[in-house]
Amino acid sequence: MILPVYTYGNAVLRKESKEIGPDYPELHTLVNNMYETMYHADGVGLAAPQIGLDIRLLVIDLAPFKEQDPELGSFKVTMINPVMLEMSDETVMGEEGCLSIPGIHESVARSKRIKITYLDLDFNEHTEVFEDYKARVVQHEYDHLEGKVFTDRVSPLRRQLLKGKLTNIVKGKVRADYKTK
């Protein structure tokens, strides 16, 4: 089922998310719905707060990049209760957009390399190191679980220049090719 994507201004996007356990109701259905919602919106990542749930759950599928980089194309992951263990001091700039902030793309500095631990859908623990674009996408989605959005990471000047567009999103004056709330 395709779910509405909560847009900038919704309080759930500013809440720190809570951990969940294996007894979380209909978790497999929720994860399937998240992937379906993300694919419908042409996204590559989606965190639970973006569908109105303040839980530590995110999905990523970089298949759209398979022609550019086969390694990215095979990267699909569901992360439950992720915890960032390390972030490199070395950062790289890259353009980001967000399903919760339609129509805005900005250059954001992210750690080049991260180490994260998380549970998969069967609640098996994984600790992995990601670099470059994988690290960027994981950090972007992880921020949602911490109550942050990518525009929080742009310079104060850029944020000021975006104020009008962000205000329009809050007021519902935004156009997206997917269902928003």
N, C-alpha and C. Protein backbone atom coordinates (compact mmCIF):
# COMPACT_ATOMS: atom_id res chain seq x y z
N MET A 1 0.84 -1.17 0.00
CA MET A 1 0.00 0.00 0.00
C MET A 1 0.89 1.25 0.00
N ILE A 2 0.55 2.18 -0.85
CA ILE A 2 1.30 3.43 -0.93
C ILE A 2 0.79 4.36 0.17
N LEU A 3 1.72 4.84 0.97
CA LEU A 3 1.39 5.71 2.10
C LEU A 3 1.71 7.16 1.76
N PRO A 4 1.03 8.12 2.41
CA PRO A 4 1.39 9.52 2.18
C PRO A 4 2.74 9.84 2.82
N VAL A 5 3.49 10.70 2.15
CA VAL A 5 4.79 11.14 2.68
C VAL A 5 4.55 12.44 3.44
N TYR A 6 4.97 12.47 4.69
CA TYR A 6 4.82 13.66 5.52
C TYR A 6 5.86 14.69 5.09
N THR A 7 5.41 15.91 4.90
CA THR A 7 6.29 16.95 4.39
C THR A 7 6.78 17.88 5.50
N TYR A 8 7.78 18.64 5.14
CA TYR A 8 8.40 19.62 6.03
C TYR A 8 7.32 20.41 6.79
N GLY A 9 7.52 20.53 8.09
CA GLY A 9 6.56 21.24 8.92
C GLY A 9 5.76 20.30 9.81
N ASN A 10 5.68 19.01 9.44
CA ASN A 10 5.01 18.03 10.28
C ASN A 10 5.90 17.72 11.49
N ALA A 11 5.30 17.75 12.67
CA ALA A 11 6.05 17.59 13.92
C ALA A 11 6.82 16.27 13.99
N VAL A 12 6.29 15.19 13.39
CA VAL A 12 6.95 13.90 13.47
C VAL A 12 8.35 13.93 12.85
N LEU A 13 8.58 14.85 11.92
CA LEU A 13 9.90 14.95 11.29
C LEU A 13 10.94 15.58 12.21
N ARG A 14 10.49 16.13 13.33
CA ARG A 14 11.41 16.77 14.27
C ARG A 14 11.56 15.99 15.58
N LYS A 15 10.92 14.83 15.65
CA LYS A 15 11.00 14.01 16.86
C LYS A 15 12.13 13.00 16.75
N GLU A 16 12.77 12.72 17.87
CA GLU A 16 13.74 11.63 17.90
C GLU A 16 12.95 10.33 17.97
N SER A 17 13.26 9.41 17.09
CA SER A 17 12.48 8.17 16.98
C SER A 17 12.83 7.17 18.07
N LYS A 18 11.86 6.29 18.35
CA LYS A 18 12.00 5.27 19.39
C LYS A 18 12.35 3.91 18.78
N GLU A 19 13.11 3.13 19.54
CA GLU A 19 13.45 1.78 19.11
C GLU A 19 12.20 0.90 19.11
N ILE A 20 12.23 -0.13 18.27
CA ILE A 20 11.15 -1.10 18.23
C ILE A 20 11.70 -2.50 18.44
N GLY A 21 10.80 -3.43 18.78
CA GLY A 21 11.20 -4.82 18.98
C GLY A 21 10.56 -5.72 17.95
N PRO A 22 10.88 -7.00 18.01
CA PRO A 22 10.35 -7.96 17.04
C PRO A 22 8.83 -8.10 17.12
N ASP A 23 8.25 -7.63 18.21
CA ASP A 23 6.79 -7.73 18.39
C ASP A 23 6.05 -6.52 17.81
N TYR A 24 6.77 -5.62 17.12
CA TYR A 24 6.11 -4.46 16.54
C TYR A 24 5.04 -4.95 15.57
N PRO A 25 3.80 -4.45 15.70
CA PRO A 25 2.69 -4.98 14.89
C PRO A 25 2.90 -4.83 13.39
N GLU A 26 2.71 -5.93 12.70
CA GLU A 26 2.75 -5.99 11.23
C GLU A 26 3.98 -5.31 10.62
N LEU A 27 5.13 -5.59 11.20
CA LEU A 27 6.39 -4.98 10.77
C LEU A 27 6.71 -5.30 9.30
N HIS A 28 6.54 -6.55 8.91
CA HIS A 28 6.86 -6.93 7.52
C HIS A 28 5.96 -6.18 6.53
N THR A 29 4.69 -6.04 6.87
CA THR A 29 3.76 -5.30 6.01
C THR A 29 4.18 -3.84 5.94
N LEU A 30 4.55 -3.26 7.08
CA LEU A 30 5.00 -1.87 7.12
C LEU A 30 6.22 -1.67 6.23
N VAL A 31 7.20 -2.55 6.34
CA VAL A 31 8.42 -2.43 5.52
C VAL A 31 8.07 -2.54 4.04
N ASN A 32 7.22 -3.49 3.67
CA ASN A 32 6.80 -3.61 2.27
C ASN A 32 6.11 -2.34 1.80
N ASN A 33 5.26 -1.76 2.65
CA ASN A 33 4.57 -0.51 2.30
C ASN A 33 5.55 0.64 2.15
N MET A 34 6.59 0.65 2.98
CA MET A 34 7.60 1.71 2.87
C MET A 34 8.35 1.61 1.54
N TYR A 35 8.74 0.40 1.16
CA TYR A 35 9.42 0.23 -0.13
C TYR A 35 8.48 0.65 -1.27
N GLU A 36 7.23 0.22 -1.22
CA GLU A 36 6.28 0.56 -2.27
C GLU A 36 6.08 2.08 -2.37
N THR A 37 5.98 2.73 -1.22
CA THR A 37 5.82 4.18 -1.18
C THR A 37 7.05 4.87 -1.77
N MET A 38 8.23 4.40 -1.37
CA MET A 38 9.48 4.98 -1.86
C MET A 38 9.61 4.81 -3.38
N TYR A 39 9.32 3.62 -3.88
CA TYR A 39 9.41 3.38 -5.32
C TYR A 39 8.42 4.26 -6.08
N HIS A 40 7.21 4.36 -5.57
CA HIS A 40 6.17 5.16 -6.23
C HIS A 40 6.60 6.63 -6.34
N ALA A 41 7.33 7.10 -5.33
CA ALA A 41 7.77 8.51 -5.30
C ALA A 41 9.14 8.71 -5.97
N ASP A 42 9.70 7.65 -6.57
CA ASP A 42 11.01 7.71 -7.20
C ASP A 42 12.11 8.09 -6.22
N GLY A 43 12.01 7.60 -4.99
CA GLY A 43 13.03 7.83 -3.98
C GLY A 43 13.98 6.65 -3.90
N VAL A 44 15.09 6.86 -3.18
CA VAL A 44 16.04 5.77 -2.95
C VAL A 44 16.17 5.45 -1.47
N GLY A 45 15.49 6.23 -0.63
CA GLY A 45 15.50 5.98 0.80
C GLY A 45 14.25 6.54 1.43
N LEU A 46 13.81 5.91 2.52
CA LEU A 46 12.63 6.40 3.24
C LEU A 46 12.76 5.97 4.69
N ALA A 47 12.56 6.92 5.59
CA ALA A 47 12.60 6.64 7.02
C ALA A 47 11.17 6.71 7.57
N ALA A 48 10.91 5.94 8.62
CA ALA A 48 9.56 5.85 9.20
C ALA A 48 8.95 7.21 9.54
N PRO A 49 9.71 8.19 10.07
CA PRO A 49 9.09 9.49 10.33
C PRO A 49 8.48 10.13 9.08
N GLN A 50 8.99 9.79 7.93
CA GLN A 50 8.48 10.36 6.69
C GLN A 50 7.10 9.82 6.32
N ILE A 51 6.67 8.76 7.00
CA ILE A 51 5.31 8.26 6.82
C ILE A 51 4.52 8.40 8.12
N GLY A 52 5.03 9.26 9.01
CA GLY A 52 4.29 9.61 10.21
C GLY A 52 4.54 8.75 11.44
N LEU A 53 5.54 7.87 11.40
CA LEU A 53 5.82 6.99 12.53
C LEU A 53 7.15 7.36 13.18
N ASP A 54 7.13 7.60 14.48
CA ASP A 54 8.38 7.99 15.16
C ASP A 54 9.10 6.74 15.71
N ILE A 55 9.44 5.85 14.77
CA ILE A 55 10.18 4.63 15.12
C ILE A 55 11.47 4.58 14.31
N ARG A 56 12.45 3.84 14.85
CA ARG A 56 13.77 3.76 14.24
C ARG A 56 13.80 2.67 13.16
N LEU A 57 13.31 3.04 12.00
CA LEU A 57 13.20 2.12 10.87
C LEU A 57 13.43 2.91 9.59
N LEU A 58 14.28 2.36 8.71
CA LEU A 58 14.50 3.01 7.42
C LEU A 58 14.75 1.94 6.35
N VAL A 59 14.44 2.32 5.13
CA VAL A 59 14.69 1.44 3.98
C VAL A 59 15.46 2.22 2.91
N ILE A 60 16.33 1.52 2.22
CA ILE A 60 17.14 2.12 1.15
C ILE A 60 17.25 1.11 0.01
N ASP A 61 17.13 1.60 -1.21
CA ASP A 61 17.37 0.77 -2.39
C ASP A 61 17.98 1.66 -3.46
N LEU A 62 19.25 1.41 -3.77
CA LEU A 62 19.97 2.24 -4.73
C LEU A 62 19.94 1.64 -6.14
N ALA A 63 18.99 0.75 -6.43
CA ALA A 63 18.87 0.13 -7.75
C ALA A 63 18.83 1.14 -8.90
N PRO A 64 18.23 2.34 -8.73
CA PRO A 64 18.24 3.28 -9.85
C PRO A 64 19.64 3.68 -10.34
N PHE A 65 20.66 3.40 -9.53
CA PHE A 65 22.03 3.77 -9.90
C PHE A 65 22.82 2.60 -10.47
N LYS A 66 22.16 1.47 -10.78
CA LYS A 66 22.88 0.28 -11.22
C LYS A 66 23.65 0.47 -12.52
N GLU A 67 23.15 1.31 -13.41
CA GLU A 67 23.88 1.53 -14.67
C GLU A 67 25.15 2.35 -14.44
N GLN A 68 25.09 3.29 -13.49
CA GLN A 68 26.26 4.10 -13.18
C GLN A 68 27.29 3.31 -12.38
N ASP A 69 26.79 2.46 -11.47
CA ASP A 69 27.68 1.73 -10.59
C ASP A 69 26.97 0.45 -10.13
N PRO A 70 27.38 -0.71 -10.67
CA PRO A 70 26.71 -1.97 -10.31
C PRO A 70 26.69 -2.23 -8.80
N GLU A 71 27.73 -1.77 -8.10
CA GLU A 71 27.77 -1.98 -6.65
C GLU A 71 26.65 -1.21 -5.95
N LEU A 72 26.36 -0.01 -6.43
CA LEU A 72 25.24 0.76 -5.87
C LEU A 72 23.92 0.08 -6.21
N GLY A 73 23.83 -0.42 -7.44
CA GLY A 73 22.59 -1.03 -7.91
C GLY A 73 22.15 -2.24 -7.11
N SER A 74 23.09 -2.89 -6.44
CA SER A 74 22.75 -4.07 -5.64
C SER A 74 22.59 -3.74 -4.15
N PHE A 75 22.62 -2.46 -3.82
CA PHE A 75 22.52 -2.06 -2.40
C PHE A 75 21.07 -1.82 -2.02
N LYS A 76 20.52 -2.76 -1.27
CA LYS A 76 19.16 -2.66 -0.76
C LYS A 76 19.21 -3.11 0.70
N VAL A 77 18.72 -2.27 1.60
CA VAL A 77 18.83 -2.59 3.02
C VAL A 77 17.63 -2.05 3.80
N THR A 78 17.22 -2.82 4.79
CA THR A 78 16.24 -2.39 5.78
C THR A 78 16.99 -2.32 7.10
N MET A 79 16.93 -1.17 7.75
CA MET A 79 17.63 -1.00 9.03
C MET A 79 16.63 -0.71 10.14
N ILE A 80 16.69 -1.54 11.17
CA ILE A 80 15.87 -1.35 12.35
C ILE A 80 16.79 -0.96 13.50
N ASN A 81 16.39 0.07 14.23
CA ASN A 81 17.14 0.56 15.40
C ASN A 81 18.62 0.83 15.09
N PRO A 82 18.92 1.51 13.98
CA PRO A 82 20.32 1.77 13.67
C PRO A 82 20.96 2.72 14.68
N VAL A 83 22.25 2.50 14.90
CA VAL A 83 23.04 3.37 15.78
C VAL A 83 24.34 3.70 15.05
N MET A 84 24.60 4.98 14.89
CA MET A 84 25.83 5.42 14.23
C MET A 84 26.98 5.25 15.21
N LEU A 85 27.98 4.47 14.83
CA LEU A 85 29.12 4.21 15.70
C LEU A 85 30.29 5.15 15.42
N GLU A 86 30.54 5.41 14.15
CA GLU A 86 31.66 6.27 13.76
C GLU A 86 31.29 7.05 12.50
N MET A 87 31.84 8.26 12.43
CA MET A 87 31.70 9.08 11.22
C MET A 87 33.06 9.71 10.97
N SER A 88 33.56 9.56 9.76
CA SER A 88 34.89 10.10 9.46
C SER A 88 34.88 11.62 9.53
N ASP A 89 36.02 12.17 9.87
CA ASP A 89 36.18 13.63 9.86
C ASP A 89 36.20 14.15 8.43
N GLU A 90 36.66 13.29 7.51
CA GLU A 90 36.70 13.69 6.10
C GLU A 90 35.27 13.76 5.58
N THR A 91 34.93 14.89 4.99
CA THR A 91 33.58 15.06 4.44
C THR A 91 33.65 15.28 2.93
N VAL A 92 32.53 15.03 2.28
CA VAL A 92 32.39 15.29 0.86
C VAL A 92 31.07 16.01 0.63
N MET A 93 31.08 16.94 -0.32
CA MET A 93 29.87 17.67 -0.67
C MET A 93 29.11 16.88 -1.73
N GLY A 94 27.80 16.96 -1.67
CA GLY A 94 26.98 16.29 -2.67
C GLY A 94 25.57 16.84 -2.62
N GLU A 95 24.92 16.83 -3.77
CA GLU A 95 23.56 17.35 -3.83
C GLU A 95 22.58 16.33 -3.26
N GLU A 96 21.64 16.83 -2.47
CA GLU A 96 20.62 15.97 -1.88
C GLU A 96 19.24 16.58 -2.10
N GLY A 97 18.27 15.71 -2.15
CA GLY A 97 16.87 16.09 -2.15
C GLY A 97 16.18 15.18 -1.15
N CYS A 98 14.89 15.40 -0.94
CA CYS A 98 14.18 14.61 0.06
C CYS A 98 12.71 14.56 -0.30
N LEU A 99 12.12 13.38 -0.16
CA LEU A 99 10.70 13.24 -0.46
C LEU A 99 9.85 14.12 0.46
N SER A 100 10.34 14.42 1.66
CA SER A 100 9.61 15.27 2.61
C SER A 100 9.81 16.76 2.34
N ILE A 101 10.72 17.09 1.44
CA ILE A 101 10.98 18.49 1.09
C ILE A 101 10.98 18.59 -0.44
N PRO A 102 9.81 18.37 -1.06
CA PRO A 102 9.77 18.33 -2.52
C PRO A 102 10.22 19.63 -3.18
N GLY A 103 10.94 19.47 -4.29
CA GLY A 103 11.33 20.62 -5.09
C GLY A 103 12.59 21.33 -4.64
N ILE A 104 13.20 20.88 -3.56
CA ILE A 104 14.42 21.53 -3.06
C ILE A 104 15.58 20.54 -3.13
N HIS A 105 16.66 20.98 -3.73
CA HIS A 105 17.91 20.21 -3.80
C HIS A 105 19.03 21.14 -3.40
N GLU A 106 19.88 20.69 -2.50
CA GLU A 106 20.99 21.51 -2.01
C GLU A 106 22.24 20.67 -1.83
N SER A 107 23.37 21.31 -1.88
CA SER A 107 24.65 20.68 -1.64
C SER A 107 24.86 20.58 -0.13
N VAL A 108 25.19 19.36 0.32
CA VAL A 108 25.32 19.08 1.75
C VAL A 108 26.64 18.35 1.99
N ALA A 109 27.34 18.71 3.06
CA ALA A 109 28.56 18.00 3.46
C ALA A 109 28.16 16.80 4.32
N ARG A 110 28.71 15.65 3.99
CA ARG A 110 28.47 14.42 4.76
C ARG A 110 29.81 13.72 4.98
N SER A 111 29.88 12.94 6.04
CA SER A 111 31.08 12.14 6.29
C SER A 111 31.28 11.17 5.13
N LYS A 112 32.52 11.04 4.70
CA LYS A 112 32.86 10.16 3.58
C LYS A 112 32.68 8.70 3.97
N ARG A 113 32.91 8.39 5.24
CA ARG A 113 32.89 7.00 5.71
C ARG A 113 32.16 6.95 7.04
N ILE A 114 31.30 5.94 7.19
CA ILE A 114 30.58 5.76 8.46
C ILE A 114 30.63 4.29 8.88
N LYS A 115 30.43 4.09 10.15
CA LYS A 115 30.27 2.73 10.69
C LYS A 115 28.97 2.75 11.47
N ILE A 116 28.10 1.79 11.17
CA ILE A 116 26.76 1.77 11.76
C ILE A 116 26.40 0.34 12.16
N THR A 117 25.63 0.22 13.21
CA THR A 117 25.09 -1.08 13.60
C THR A 117 23.57 -0.99 13.50
N TYR A 118 22.96 -2.09 13.10
CA TYR A 118 21.50 -2.10 12.95
C TYR A 118 21.01 -3.55 12.98
N LEU A 119 19.70 -3.69 13.07
CA LEU A 119 19.06 -4.99 13.00
C LEU A 119 18.36 -5.10 11.65
N ASP A 120 18.40 -6.30 11.06
CA ASP A 120 17.67 -6.51 9.82
C ASP A 120 16.23 -6.93 10.15
N LEU A 121 15.47 -7.27 9.16
CA LEU A 121 14.05 -7.59 9.34
C LEU A 121 13.84 -8.85 10.18
N ASP A 122 14.86 -9.70 10.26
CA ASP A 122 14.79 -10.90 11.11
C ASP A 122 15.41 -10.64 12.48
N PHE A 123 15.75 -9.39 12.75
CA PHE A 123 16.36 -8.94 14.01
C PHE A 123 17.74 -9.55 14.24
N ASN A 124 18.46 -9.81 13.14
CA ASN A 124 19.87 -10.18 13.22
C ASN A 124 20.67 -8.89 13.22
N GLU A 125 21.70 -8.82 14.04
CA GLU A 125 22.50 -7.60 14.16
C GLU A 125 23.59 -7.57 13.09
N HIS A 126 23.79 -6.38 12.54
CA HIS A 126 24.84 -6.15 11.54
C HIS A 126 25.62 -4.91 11.95
N THR A 127 26.92 -4.94 11.77
CA THR A 127 27.76 -3.76 11.92
C THR A 127 28.51 -3.63 10.61
N GLU A 128 28.31 -2.49 9.95
CA GLU A 128 28.89 -2.32 8.62
C GLU A 128 29.53 -0.95 8.47
N VAL A 129 30.48 -0.91 7.54
CA VAL A 129 31.13 0.35 7.17
C VAL A 129 30.66 0.69 5.75
N PHE A 130 30.24 1.93 5.57
CA PHE A 130 29.81 2.40 4.25
C PHE A 130 30.62 3.63 3.89
N GLU A 131 30.90 3.76 2.59
CA GLU A 131 31.65 4.92 2.10
C GLU A 131 30.90 5.58 0.96
N ASP A 132 31.29 6.82 0.71
CA ASP A 132 30.84 7.58 -0.44
C ASP A 132 29.32 7.67 -0.51
N TYR A 133 28.73 7.28 -1.65
CA TYR A 133 27.29 7.52 -1.83
C TYR A 133 26.44 6.69 -0.88
N LYS A 134 26.85 5.45 -0.61
CA LYS A 134 26.11 4.63 0.36
C LYS A 134 26.09 5.33 1.72
N ALA A 135 27.24 5.84 2.12
CA ALA A 135 27.34 6.54 3.40
C ALA A 135 26.44 7.77 3.41
N ARG A 136 26.41 8.50 2.30
CA ARG A 136 25.57 9.71 2.20
C ARG A 136 24.10 9.37 2.40
N VAL A 137 23.62 8.36 1.70
CA VAL A 137 22.19 8.02 1.77
C VAL A 137 21.84 7.51 3.17
N VAL A 138 22.69 6.66 3.74
CA VAL A 138 22.43 6.16 5.09
C VAL A 138 22.38 7.33 6.08
N GLN A 139 23.33 8.28 5.97
CA GLN A 139 23.33 9.43 6.87
C GLN A 139 22.07 10.28 6.71
N HIS A 140 21.64 10.47 5.47
CA HIS A 140 20.44 11.26 5.19
C HIS A 140 19.23 10.63 5.88
N GLU A 141 19.04 9.33 5.69
CA GLU A 141 17.89 8.65 6.29
C GLU A 141 18.02 8.57 7.82
N TYR A 142 19.23 8.33 8.28
CA TYR A 142 19.49 8.28 9.73
C TYR A 142 19.12 9.62 10.39
N ASP A 143 19.43 10.71 9.72
CA ASP A 143 19.07 12.03 10.25
C ASP A 143 17.58 12.12 10.56
N HIS A 144 16.75 11.53 9.69
CA HIS A 144 15.30 11.55 9.93
C HIS A 144 14.96 10.90 11.27
N LEU A 145 15.68 9.86 11.64
CA LEU A 145 15.41 9.17 12.91
C LEU A 145 15.83 10.03 14.10
N GLU A 146 16.69 10.99 13.85
CA GLU A 146 17.18 11.89 14.89
C GLU A 146 16.42 13.22 14.91
N GLY A 147 15.40 13.34 14.07
CA GLY A 147 14.60 14.57 14.03
C GLY A 147 15.23 15.68 13.20
N LYS A 148 16.07 15.29 12.25
CA LYS A 148 16.75 16.29 11.40
C LYS A 148 16.36 16.07 9.94
N VAL A 149 16.46 17.14 9.16
CA VAL A 149 16.27 17.06 7.71
C VAL A 149 17.51 17.67 7.04
N PHE A 150 17.71 17.37 5.77
CA PHE A 150 18.96 17.76 5.13
C PHE A 150 19.15 19.28 5.07
N THR A 151 18.07 20.04 5.05
CA THR A 151 18.22 21.50 5.00
C THR A 151 18.81 22.05 6.30
N ASP A 152 18.78 21.27 7.37
CA ASP A 152 19.44 21.67 8.62
C ASP A 152 20.95 21.71 8.44
N ARG A 153 21.45 21.03 7.44
CA ARG A 153 22.90 20.89 7.24
C ARG A 153 23.47 21.84 6.19
N VAL A 154 22.63 22.69 5.61
CA VAL A 154 23.15 23.67 4.66
C VAL A 154 23.60 24.91 5.43
N SER A 155 24.35 25.76 4.78
CA SER A 155 24.87 26.96 5.45
C SER A 155 23.71 27.87 5.88
N PRO A 156 23.93 28.68 6.92
CA PRO A 156 22.88 29.61 7.36
C PRO A 156 22.39 30.52 6.23
N LEU A 157 23.29 30.95 5.37
CA LEU A 157 22.89 31.80 4.25
C LEU A 157 21.95 31.06 3.30
N ARG A 158 22.32 29.82 2.93
CA ARG A 158 21.46 29.02 2.05
C ARG A 158 20.11 28.75 2.71
N ARG A 159 20.12 28.47 4.00
CA ARG A 159 18.88 28.21 4.73
C ARG A 159 17.97 29.43 4.68
N GLN A 160 18.57 30.60 4.83
CA GLN A 160 17.79 31.85 4.75
C GLN A 160 17.19 32.02 3.36
N LEU A 161 17.97 31.69 2.33
CA LEU A 161 17.47 31.78 0.96
C LEU A 161 16.35 30.77 0.67
N LEU A 162 16.34 29.67 1.42
CA LEU A 162 15.31 28.63 1.23
C LEU A 162 14.05 28.89 2.05
N LYS A 163 14.11 29.87 2.94
CA LYS A 163 13.02 30.09 3.90
C LYS A 163 11.65 30.19 3.23
N GLY A 164 11.54 30.92 2.15
CA GLY A 164 10.26 31.10 1.46
C GLY A 164 9.72 29.78 0.92
N LYS A 165 10.61 28.98 0.30
CA LYS A 165 10.19 27.68 -0.24
C LYS A 165 9.75 26.74 0.88
N LEU A 166 10.50 26.75 1.98
CA LEU A 166 10.15 25.88 3.11
C LEU A 166 8.82 26.31 3.74
N THR A 167 8.60 27.62 3.83
CA THR A 167 7.33 28.13 4.35
C THR A 167 6.18 27.69 3.46
N ASN A 168 6.37 27.71 2.16
CA ASN A 168 5.33 27.25 1.24
C ASN A 168 5.00 25.77 1.45
N ILE A 169 6.04 24.96 1.71
CA ILE A 169 5.80 23.54 1.98
C ILE A 169 4.97 23.39 3.25
N VAL A 170 5.32 24.15 4.30
CA VAL A 170 4.56 24.10 5.55
C VAL A 170 3.09 24.47 5.31
N LYS A 171 2.87 25.44 4.45
CA LYS A 171 1.50 25.90 4.15
C LYS A 171 0.77 24.98 3.18
N GLY A 172 1.45 23.94 2.71
CA GLY A 172 0.82 23.00 1.77
C GLY A 172 0.86 23.46 0.33
N LYS A 173 1.60 24.52 0.07
CA LYS A 173 1.74 25.03 -1.30
C LYS A 173 2.95 24.35 -1.95
N VAL A 174 2.77 23.08 -2.22
CA VAL A 174 3.85 22.29 -2.79
C VAL A 174 3.24 21.28 -3.76
N ARG A 175 4.01 20.98 -4.76
CA ARG A 175 3.54 20.01 -5.77
C ARG A 175 4.50 18.84 -5.78
N ALA A 176 3.92 17.65 -5.65
CA ALA A 176 4.72 16.43 -5.72
C ALA A 176 3.94 15.42 -6.55
N ASP A 177 4.65 14.50 -7.17
CA ASP A 177 4.02 13.46 -7.98
C ASP A 177 3.62 12.25 -7.14
N TYR A 178 3.52 12.44 -5.85
CA TYR A 178 3.13 11.37 -4.93
C TYR A 178 2.28 12.01 -3.83
N LYS A 179 1.59 11.13 -3.11
CA LYS A 179 0.68 11.59 -2.06
C LYS A 179 1.47 12.14 -0.87
N THR A 180 1.11 13.38 -0.45
CA THR A 180 1.79 13.99 0.69
C THR A 180 0.77 14.31 1.79
N LYS A 181 1.31 14.56 2.95
CA LYS A 181 0.45 14.92 4.09
C LYS A 181 1.12 16.03 4.87
